[in-house]
Amino acid sequence: MAILDTDFLSSFFKIGKLKLVLRALNLKHVVIPSTVYEELKETKFFNEISSVFAFDEKELNENRFILVKTVDLMEWKENFTKEETITLGKGELGCFVLAENSGDTILIDDQRARVVAKGKGLKVVSIPAFLLFCKKKNVVSLNEIRKIVEELREMDYYEFSEESRELLLK
């Protein structure tokens, strides 16, 4: 299973590549905490993306492939420092709670959140690391990687580090 944070999910939705996560990780569905769902409700594209969410495993199918799991951050407040609750978003904290319970990997792009998650012993993957995995496993071709990198830049204003670009595009 994989847990998606708001930034990762929205980036791949904007370029029409959400199902790449399923294909690359050989999954039928992914999970988001209710805190990510609440953040997504504030986006301009929520009406477009809302059809892919399921709130019960029985609702999951080929078109509804993101399971929303309820997370109550108040129940877990002792798991986070005051600084973490101030500097990290509720979506990120919700992902941490799900990952602590399940041991699943979080697909998350915020560097600060990844550092905190790693410090808690959680498995995290950034957008560049995910795309590099896709490239190495031949899930997508080099041309497709180039297109994804360009679309992320154009549609999501996402910038890759020079090192990431070099690894992905060579």
N, C-alpha and C. Protein backbone atom coordinates (compact mmCIF):
# COMPACT_ATOMS: atom_id res chain seq x y z
N MET A 1 0.84 -1.19 0.00
CA MET A 1 0.00 0.00 0.00
C MET A 1 0.88 1.24 0.00
N ALA A 2 0.33 2.33 -0.47
CA ALA A 2 1.03 3.61 -0.46
C ALA A 2 0.08 4.69 0.04
N ILE A 3 0.64 5.63 0.77
CA ILE A 3 -0.12 6.76 1.32
C ILE A 3 0.33 8.00 0.56
N LEU A 4 -0.61 8.76 0.04
CA LEU A 4 -0.27 9.97 -0.71
C LEU A 4 -0.56 11.22 0.09
N ASP A 5 0.41 12.14 0.07
CA ASP A 5 0.19 13.45 0.67
C ASP A 5 -0.39 14.38 -0.39
N THR A 6 -0.89 15.50 0.05
CA THR A 6 -1.58 16.45 -0.82
C THR A 6 -0.70 16.90 -1.98
N ASP A 7 0.56 17.27 -1.69
CA ASP A 7 1.42 17.80 -2.75
C ASP A 7 1.67 16.78 -3.85
N PHE A 8 2.01 15.57 -3.48
CA PHE A 8 2.30 14.51 -4.44
C PHE A 8 1.05 14.20 -5.26
N LEU A 9 -0.07 14.00 -4.58
CA LEU A 9 -1.32 13.66 -5.24
C LEU A 9 -1.74 14.76 -6.22
N SER A 10 -1.70 16.01 -5.78
CA SER A 10 -2.16 17.09 -6.65
C SER A 10 -1.23 17.28 -7.85
N SER A 11 0.07 17.10 -7.66
CA SER A 11 1.01 17.21 -8.78
C SER A 11 0.69 16.19 -9.86
N PHE A 12 0.49 14.95 -9.47
CA PHE A 12 0.23 13.90 -10.45
C PHE A 12 -1.18 14.00 -11.03
N PHE A 13 -2.12 14.52 -10.26
CA PHE A 13 -3.47 14.74 -10.80
C PHE A 13 -3.43 15.81 -11.89
N LYS A 14 -2.72 16.89 -11.64
CA LYS A 14 -2.67 18.01 -12.58
C LYS A 14 -2.12 17.60 -13.94
N ILE A 15 -1.25 16.60 -13.97
CA ILE A 15 -0.68 16.16 -15.25
C ILE A 15 -1.36 14.87 -15.75
N GLY A 16 -2.42 14.46 -15.10
CA GLY A 16 -3.17 13.29 -15.55
C GLY A 16 -2.43 11.97 -15.37
N LYS A 17 -1.59 11.88 -14.34
CA LYS A 17 -0.76 10.69 -14.15
C LYS A 17 -0.97 10.01 -12.80
N LEU A 18 -2.11 10.20 -12.17
CA LEU A 18 -2.34 9.56 -10.87
C LEU A 18 -2.25 8.04 -10.95
N LYS A 19 -2.75 7.47 -12.04
CA LYS A 19 -2.74 6.01 -12.15
C LYS A 19 -1.34 5.45 -12.36
N LEU A 20 -0.38 6.32 -12.68
CA LEU A 20 1.01 5.87 -12.77
C LEU A 20 1.47 5.32 -11.42
N VAL A 21 0.99 5.90 -10.34
CA VAL A 21 1.35 5.42 -9.00
C VAL A 21 0.88 3.97 -8.83
N LEU A 22 -0.34 3.70 -9.27
CA LEU A 22 -0.87 2.33 -9.17
C LEU A 22 -0.03 1.38 -10.01
N ARG A 23 0.23 1.79 -11.25
CA ARG A 23 0.97 0.93 -12.18
C ARG A 23 2.39 0.67 -11.68
N ALA A 24 3.07 1.72 -11.24
CA ALA A 24 4.47 1.59 -10.82
C ALA A 24 4.61 0.72 -9.58
N LEU A 25 3.67 0.84 -8.66
CA LEU A 25 3.76 0.11 -7.40
C LEU A 25 2.91 -1.17 -7.40
N ASN A 26 2.32 -1.47 -8.55
CA ASN A 26 1.50 -2.67 -8.71
C ASN A 26 0.39 -2.74 -7.66
N LEU A 27 -0.37 -1.65 -7.57
CA LEU A 27 -1.45 -1.54 -6.59
C LEU A 27 -2.79 -1.36 -7.29
N LYS A 28 -3.84 -1.75 -6.61
CA LYS A 28 -5.19 -1.50 -7.12
C LYS A 28 -5.74 -0.18 -6.56
N HIS A 29 -5.23 0.24 -5.40
CA HIS A 29 -5.64 1.52 -4.83
C HIS A 29 -4.55 2.08 -3.92
N VAL A 30 -4.69 3.35 -3.60
CA VAL A 30 -3.80 4.03 -2.66
C VAL A 30 -4.67 4.62 -1.56
N VAL A 31 -4.02 5.14 -0.53
CA VAL A 31 -4.73 5.65 0.64
C VAL A 31 -4.34 7.10 0.89
N ILE A 32 -5.30 7.89 1.34
CA ILE A 32 -5.01 9.22 1.87
C ILE A 32 -5.72 9.36 3.21
N PRO A 33 -5.13 10.12 4.13
CA PRO A 33 -5.86 10.40 5.38
C PRO A 33 -6.95 11.43 5.11
N SER A 34 -7.93 11.46 5.97
CA SER A 34 -9.02 12.44 5.83
C SER A 34 -8.48 13.87 5.87
N THR A 35 -7.33 14.06 6.50
CA THR A 35 -6.74 15.40 6.56
C THR A 35 -6.26 15.87 5.18
N VAL A 36 -5.77 14.95 4.36
CA VAL A 36 -5.40 15.29 2.98
C VAL A 36 -6.66 15.59 2.18
N TYR A 37 -7.69 14.78 2.37
CA TYR A 37 -8.97 15.01 1.68
C TYR A 37 -9.49 16.42 1.99
N GLU A 38 -9.40 16.82 3.26
CA GLU A 38 -9.87 18.16 3.65
C GLU A 38 -9.04 19.24 2.97
N GLU A 39 -7.73 19.03 2.85
CA GLU A 39 -6.89 20.01 2.14
C GLU A 39 -7.27 20.08 0.67
N LEU A 40 -7.54 18.93 0.07
CA LEU A 40 -7.91 18.89 -1.35
C LEU A 40 -9.24 19.59 -1.61
N LYS A 41 -10.13 19.58 -0.62
CA LYS A 41 -11.43 20.25 -0.79
C LYS A 41 -11.25 21.75 -1.03
N GLU A 42 -10.10 22.29 -0.63
CA GLU A 42 -9.83 23.72 -0.79
C GLU A 42 -9.22 24.06 -2.15
N THR A 43 -8.93 23.04 -2.98
CA THR A 43 -8.27 23.29 -4.27
C THR A 43 -9.29 23.64 -5.35
N LYS A 44 -8.79 24.28 -6.40
CA LYS A 44 -9.64 24.64 -7.53
C LYS A 44 -10.11 23.41 -8.30
N PHE A 45 -9.36 22.33 -8.22
CA PHE A 45 -9.68 21.14 -9.01
C PHE A 45 -10.43 20.07 -8.23
N PHE A 46 -10.91 20.40 -7.03
CA PHE A 46 -11.56 19.38 -6.20
C PHE A 46 -12.73 18.71 -6.91
N ASN A 47 -13.56 19.48 -7.59
CA ASN A 47 -14.71 18.88 -8.28
C ASN A 47 -14.27 17.86 -9.32
N GLU A 48 -13.15 18.11 -9.98
CA GLU A 48 -12.63 17.18 -10.99
C GLU A 48 -12.09 15.90 -10.35
N ILE A 49 -11.43 16.03 -9.22
CA ILE A 49 -10.77 14.88 -8.60
C ILE A 49 -11.69 14.09 -7.68
N SER A 50 -12.78 14.68 -7.25
CA SER A 50 -13.62 14.06 -6.22
C SER A 50 -14.17 12.69 -6.62
N SER A 51 -14.27 12.41 -7.90
CA SER A 51 -14.84 11.12 -8.34
C SER A 51 -13.91 9.93 -8.10
N VAL A 52 -12.64 10.16 -7.78
CA VAL A 52 -11.71 9.05 -7.58
C VAL A 52 -11.63 8.59 -6.12
N PHE A 53 -12.35 9.28 -5.23
CA PHE A 53 -12.28 8.95 -3.81
C PHE A 53 -13.33 7.92 -3.41
N ALA A 54 -12.92 7.01 -2.52
CA ALA A 54 -13.84 6.05 -1.90
C ALA A 54 -13.68 6.21 -0.40
N PHE A 55 -14.77 6.03 0.32
CA PHE A 55 -14.73 6.18 1.77
C PHE A 55 -14.92 4.85 2.49
N ASP A 56 -15.02 3.80 1.70
CA ASP A 56 -15.17 2.45 2.22
C ASP A 56 -14.50 1.53 1.20
N GLU A 57 -13.83 0.49 1.68
CA GLU A 57 -13.13 -0.41 0.76
C GLU A 57 -14.07 -1.03 -0.26
N LYS A 58 -15.34 -1.20 0.09
CA LYS A 58 -16.31 -1.79 -0.84
C LYS A 58 -16.58 -0.88 -2.03
N GLU A 59 -16.32 0.42 -1.87
CA GLU A 59 -16.55 1.38 -2.95
C GLU A 59 -15.40 1.43 -3.95
N LEU A 60 -14.26 0.82 -3.61
CA LEU A 60 -13.08 0.88 -4.47
C LEU A 60 -13.33 0.13 -5.77
N ASN A 61 -12.89 0.74 -6.88
CA ASN A 61 -12.94 0.07 -8.18
C ASN A 61 -11.92 0.75 -9.09
N GLU A 62 -11.98 0.45 -10.37
CA GLU A 62 -11.00 0.99 -11.30
C GLU A 62 -11.02 2.52 -11.35
N ASN A 63 -12.20 3.10 -11.16
CA ASN A 63 -12.33 4.56 -11.23
C ASN A 63 -12.24 5.24 -9.87
N ARG A 64 -12.57 4.53 -8.81
CA ARG A 64 -12.46 5.05 -7.44
C ARG A 64 -11.31 4.29 -6.78
N PHE A 65 -10.12 4.84 -6.87
CA PHE A 65 -8.93 4.11 -6.45
C PHE A 65 -8.15 4.80 -5.33
N ILE A 66 -8.75 5.81 -4.72
CA ILE A 66 -8.11 6.47 -3.58
C ILE A 66 -9.03 6.31 -2.37
N LEU A 67 -8.57 5.51 -1.41
CA LEU A 67 -9.35 5.26 -0.20
C LEU A 67 -9.04 6.33 0.84
N VAL A 68 -10.07 7.00 1.31
CA VAL A 68 -9.92 8.03 2.35
C VAL A 68 -10.12 7.37 3.70
N LYS A 69 -9.09 7.43 4.55
CA LYS A 69 -9.17 6.85 5.89
C LYS A 69 -9.24 7.98 6.92
N THR A 70 -10.17 7.84 7.85
CA THR A 70 -10.36 8.86 8.87
C THR A 70 -9.17 8.89 9.84
N VAL A 71 -8.68 10.09 10.07
CA VAL A 71 -7.59 10.30 11.02
C VAL A 71 -8.01 11.45 11.94
N ASP A 72 -7.93 11.21 13.24
CA ASP A 72 -8.21 12.26 14.22
C ASP A 72 -6.87 12.68 14.83
N LEU A 73 -6.38 13.82 14.40
CA LEU A 73 -5.07 14.28 14.88
C LEU A 73 -5.04 14.52 16.38
N MET A 74 -6.17 14.85 16.98
CA MET A 74 -6.21 15.08 18.43
C MET A 74 -5.86 13.80 19.19
N GLU A 75 -6.25 12.66 18.66
CA GLU A 75 -5.92 11.38 19.31
C GLU A 75 -4.43 11.10 19.27
N TRP A 76 -3.75 11.72 18.31
CA TRP A 76 -2.34 11.42 18.08
C TRP A 76 -1.42 12.57 18.46
N LYS A 77 -1.96 13.60 19.11
CA LYS A 77 -1.15 14.80 19.35
C LYS A 77 0.12 14.52 20.15
N GLU A 78 0.11 13.50 21.00
CA GLU A 78 1.31 13.19 21.77
C GLU A 78 2.43 12.62 20.90
N ASN A 79 2.10 12.21 19.67
CA ASN A 79 3.10 11.67 18.76
C ASN A 79 3.92 12.76 18.07
N PHE A 80 3.47 14.02 18.19
CA PHE A 80 4.12 15.11 17.49
C PHE A 80 4.58 16.18 18.46
N THR A 81 5.73 16.79 18.14
CA THR A 81 6.20 17.91 18.94
C THR A 81 5.37 19.15 18.58
N LYS A 82 5.43 20.14 19.44
CA LYS A 82 4.71 21.39 19.16
C LYS A 82 5.21 22.00 17.86
N GLU A 83 6.53 21.96 17.66
CA GLU A 83 7.11 22.52 16.43
C GLU A 83 6.57 21.79 15.19
N GLU A 84 6.46 20.46 15.27
CA GLU A 84 5.94 19.69 14.13
C GLU A 84 4.50 20.08 13.82
N THR A 85 3.69 20.27 14.85
CA THR A 85 2.29 20.63 14.61
C THR A 85 2.16 22.05 14.05
N ILE A 86 3.17 22.88 14.29
CA ILE A 86 3.14 24.25 13.77
C ILE A 86 3.68 24.31 12.35
N THR A 87 4.78 23.59 12.10
CA THR A 87 5.47 23.72 10.80
C THR A 87 4.94 22.78 9.73
N LEU A 88 4.31 21.69 10.11
CA LEU A 88 3.81 20.74 9.12
C LEU A 88 2.31 20.91 8.93
N GLY A 89 1.84 20.57 7.74
CA GLY A 89 0.42 20.66 7.46
C GLY A 89 -0.34 19.48 8.06
N LYS A 90 -1.64 19.65 8.20
CA LYS A 90 -2.47 18.57 8.74
C LYS A 90 -2.47 17.35 7.83
N GLY A 91 -2.35 17.58 6.53
CA GLY A 91 -2.27 16.46 5.59
C GLY A 91 -1.03 15.62 5.86
N GLU A 92 0.09 16.28 6.04
CA GLU A 92 1.34 15.58 6.32
C GLU A 92 1.25 14.81 7.64
N LEU A 93 0.73 15.47 8.66
CA LEU A 93 0.59 14.80 9.97
C LEU A 93 -0.34 13.59 9.86
N GLY A 94 -1.41 13.73 9.09
CA GLY A 94 -2.33 12.60 8.89
C GLY A 94 -1.64 11.44 8.18
N CYS A 95 -0.80 11.75 7.21
CA CYS A 95 -0.03 10.71 6.51
C CYS A 95 0.88 9.99 7.50
N PHE A 96 1.51 10.74 8.39
CA PHE A 96 2.40 10.15 9.39
C PHE A 96 1.63 9.17 10.27
N VAL A 97 0.43 9.56 10.70
CA VAL A 97 -0.39 8.69 11.56
C VAL A 97 -0.71 7.39 10.83
N LEU A 98 -1.15 7.48 9.58
CA LEU A 98 -1.47 6.26 8.83
C LEU A 98 -0.24 5.38 8.66
N ALA A 99 0.90 6.00 8.35
CA ALA A 99 2.13 5.24 8.13
C ALA A 99 2.62 4.59 9.42
N GLU A 100 2.47 5.28 10.55
CA GLU A 100 2.87 4.70 11.83
C GLU A 100 2.04 3.46 12.14
N ASN A 101 0.77 3.49 11.77
CA ASN A 101 -0.11 2.34 12.02
C ASN A 101 0.12 1.20 11.05
N SER A 102 0.43 1.52 9.80
CA SER A 102 0.48 0.49 8.75
C SER A 102 1.88 0.09 8.32
N GLY A 103 2.84 0.98 8.50
CA GLY A 103 4.18 0.71 7.99
C GLY A 103 4.31 0.99 6.50
N ASP A 104 3.25 1.54 5.89
CA ASP A 104 3.27 1.84 4.46
C ASP A 104 4.15 3.04 4.15
N THR A 105 4.55 3.14 2.89
CA THR A 105 5.37 4.25 2.41
C THR A 105 4.50 5.46 2.11
N ILE A 106 5.02 6.64 2.45
CA ILE A 106 4.33 7.89 2.15
C ILE A 106 4.96 8.51 0.90
N LEU A 107 4.14 8.83 -0.08
CA LEU A 107 4.59 9.57 -1.25
C LEU A 107 4.33 11.04 -0.93
N ILE A 108 5.41 11.77 -0.68
CA ILE A 108 5.32 13.13 -0.15
C ILE A 108 6.48 13.94 -0.70
N ASP A 109 6.24 15.17 -1.08
CA ASP A 109 7.33 15.90 -1.69
C ASP A 109 7.94 16.99 -0.82
N ASP A 110 7.27 17.42 0.20
CA ASP A 110 7.79 18.48 1.07
C ASP A 110 9.05 17.98 1.79
N GLN A 111 10.17 18.65 1.54
CA GLN A 111 11.45 18.19 2.10
C GLN A 111 11.45 18.18 3.62
N ARG A 112 10.94 19.23 4.22
CA ARG A 112 10.91 19.30 5.69
C ARG A 112 10.09 18.15 6.27
N ALA A 113 8.94 17.87 5.65
CA ALA A 113 8.09 16.77 6.11
C ALA A 113 8.80 15.43 5.94
N ARG A 114 9.54 15.27 4.84
CA ARG A 114 10.27 14.00 4.64
C ARG A 114 11.34 13.81 5.71
N VAL A 115 12.02 14.88 6.08
CA VAL A 115 13.06 14.80 7.12
C VAL A 115 12.43 14.38 8.45
N VAL A 116 11.31 15.01 8.81
CA VAL A 116 10.62 14.67 10.06
C VAL A 116 10.16 13.21 10.02
N ALA A 117 9.57 12.81 8.89
CA ALA A 117 9.07 11.43 8.76
C ALA A 117 10.21 10.42 8.91
N LYS A 118 11.32 10.69 8.24
CA LYS A 118 12.47 9.78 8.35
C LYS A 118 12.96 9.70 9.79
N GLY A 119 12.94 10.84 10.49
CA GLY A 119 13.34 10.87 11.90
C GLY A 119 12.43 10.02 12.77
N LYS A 120 11.20 9.82 12.32
CA LYS A 120 10.25 8.98 13.05
C LYS A 120 10.30 7.53 12.57
N GLY A 121 11.24 7.25 11.66
CA GLY A 121 11.39 5.88 11.15
C GLY A 121 10.38 5.51 10.08
N LEU A 122 9.76 6.51 9.47
CA LEU A 122 8.77 6.25 8.42
C LEU A 122 9.44 6.23 7.05
N LYS A 123 8.86 5.45 6.13
CA LYS A 123 9.38 5.37 4.77
C LYS A 123 8.71 6.44 3.92
N VAL A 124 9.53 7.23 3.24
CA VAL A 124 9.00 8.31 2.41
C VAL A 124 9.67 8.31 1.04
N VAL A 125 8.92 8.78 0.03
CA VAL A 125 9.43 8.86 -1.33
C VAL A 125 9.00 10.20 -1.92
N SER A 126 9.96 10.92 -2.51
CA SER A 126 9.69 12.21 -3.15
C SER A 126 9.29 11.98 -4.61
N ILE A 127 8.86 13.04 -5.26
CA ILE A 127 8.52 12.95 -6.69
C ILE A 127 9.73 12.51 -7.51
N PRO A 128 10.90 13.14 -7.37
CA PRO A 128 12.05 12.68 -8.16
C PRO A 128 12.42 11.22 -7.89
N ALA A 129 12.37 10.80 -6.62
CA ALA A 129 12.71 9.41 -6.29
C ALA A 129 11.69 8.45 -6.90
N PHE A 130 10.41 8.81 -6.88
CA PHE A 130 9.38 7.98 -7.49
C PHE A 130 9.61 7.85 -8.99
N LEU A 131 9.88 8.97 -9.66
CA LEU A 131 10.12 8.92 -11.10
C LEU A 131 11.38 8.14 -11.45
N LEU A 132 12.40 8.26 -10.62
CA LEU A 132 13.63 7.49 -10.84
C LEU A 132 13.33 5.99 -10.70
N PHE A 133 12.52 5.62 -9.72
CA PHE A 133 12.08 4.24 -9.56
C PHE A 133 11.35 3.77 -10.82
N CYS A 134 10.44 4.60 -11.32
CA CYS A 134 9.69 4.26 -12.54
C CYS A 134 10.63 4.05 -13.72
N LYS A 135 11.64 4.90 -13.81
CA LYS A 135 12.61 4.79 -14.90
C LYS A 135 13.43 3.51 -14.77
N LYS A 136 13.96 3.25 -13.58
CA LYS A 136 14.81 2.07 -13.38
C LYS A 136 14.05 0.76 -13.57
N LYS A 137 12.77 0.75 -13.22
CA LYS A 137 11.95 -0.46 -13.35
C LYS A 137 11.27 -0.55 -14.72
N ASN A 138 11.61 0.39 -15.61
CA ASN A 138 11.03 0.43 -16.96
C ASN A 138 9.51 0.52 -16.95
N VAL A 139 8.97 1.20 -15.95
CA VAL A 139 7.52 1.43 -15.90
C VAL A 139 7.15 2.49 -16.93
N VAL A 140 8.04 3.45 -17.12
CA VAL A 140 7.87 4.48 -18.15
C VAL A 140 9.18 4.64 -18.91
N SER A 141 9.06 5.02 -20.17
CA SER A 141 10.24 5.22 -21.01
C SER A 141 10.92 6.55 -20.68
N LEU A 142 12.11 6.71 -21.19
CA LEU A 142 12.84 7.97 -21.01
C LEU A 142 12.05 9.13 -21.61
N ASN A 143 11.43 8.90 -22.77
CA ASN A 143 10.60 9.95 -23.39
C ASN A 143 9.43 10.32 -22.50
N GLU A 144 8.80 9.32 -21.87
CA GLU A 144 7.69 9.60 -20.96
C GLU A 144 8.17 10.38 -19.74
N ILE A 145 9.35 10.02 -19.22
CA ILE A 145 9.92 10.74 -18.07
C ILE A 145 10.13 12.21 -18.46
N ARG A 146 10.70 12.42 -19.65
CA ARG A 146 10.92 13.80 -20.12
C ARG A 146 9.61 14.57 -20.16
N LYS A 147 8.57 13.91 -20.68
CA LYS A 147 7.26 14.55 -20.80
C LYS A 147 6.70 14.87 -19.40
N ILE A 148 6.82 13.94 -18.47
CA ILE A 148 6.32 14.15 -17.10
C ILE A 148 7.06 15.31 -16.44
N VAL A 149 8.38 15.34 -16.58
CA VAL A 149 9.18 16.42 -16.00
C VAL A 149 8.73 17.77 -16.56
N GLU A 150 8.53 17.82 -17.87
CA GLU A 150 8.09 19.06 -18.52
C GLU A 150 6.67 19.45 -18.08
N GLU A 151 5.76 18.48 -18.02
CA GLU A 151 4.38 18.76 -17.61
C GLU A 151 4.31 19.22 -16.16
N LEU A 152 5.12 18.62 -15.30
CA LEU A 152 5.14 19.07 -13.90
C LEU A 152 5.62 20.52 -13.81
N ARG A 153 6.60 20.86 -14.63
CA ARG A 153 7.10 22.24 -14.64
C ARG A 153 6.03 23.20 -15.15
N GLU A 154 5.38 22.83 -16.26
CA GLU A 154 4.40 23.72 -16.89
C GLU A 154 3.08 23.81 -16.12
N MET A 155 2.58 22.68 -15.63
CA MET A 155 1.24 22.64 -15.05
C MET A 155 1.21 22.77 -13.53
N ASP A 156 2.35 22.48 -12.89
CA ASP A 156 2.39 22.52 -11.43
C ASP A 156 3.52 23.41 -10.91
N TYR A 157 4.24 24.04 -11.83
CA TYR A 157 5.37 24.90 -11.47
C TYR A 157 6.39 24.15 -10.61
N TYR A 158 6.54 22.87 -10.89
CA TYR A 158 7.45 22.02 -10.12
C TYR A 158 8.84 22.11 -10.74
N GLU A 159 9.83 22.37 -9.93
CA GLU A 159 11.21 22.44 -10.40
C GLU A 159 12.04 21.33 -9.77
N PHE A 160 12.72 20.59 -10.61
CA PHE A 160 13.61 19.54 -10.14
C PHE A 160 14.99 20.13 -9.90
N SER A 161 15.70 19.57 -8.93
CA SER A 161 17.08 20.00 -8.71
C SER A 161 17.90 19.57 -9.92
N GLU A 162 19.04 20.20 -10.10
CA GLU A 162 19.92 19.86 -11.22
C GLU A 162 20.31 18.38 -11.16
N GLU A 163 20.61 17.91 -9.95
CA GLU A 163 20.98 16.50 -9.77
C GLU A 163 19.84 15.57 -10.17
N SER A 164 18.62 15.88 -9.74
CA SER A 164 17.46 15.05 -10.08
C SER A 164 17.22 15.04 -11.58
N ARG A 165 17.30 16.21 -12.20
CA ARG A 165 17.09 16.30 -13.66
C ARG A 165 18.11 15.43 -14.38
N GLU A 166 19.35 15.51 -13.94
CA GLU A 166 20.41 14.73 -14.59
C GLU A 166 20.15 13.23 -14.47
N LEU A 167 19.79 12.79 -13.27
CA LEU A 167 19.51 11.36 -13.05
C LEU A 167 18.30 10.89 -13.86
N LEU A 168 17.28 11.72 -13.93
CA LEU A 168 16.05 11.34 -14.63
C LEU A 168 16.18 11.38 -16.14
N LEU A 169 16.91 12.36 -16.66
CA LEU A 169 16.88 12.61 -18.10
C LEU A 169 18.05 12.03 -18.88
N LYS A 170 18.95 11.35 -18.20
CA LYS A 170 20.09 10.77 -18.95
C LYS A 170 19.77 9.37 -19.42
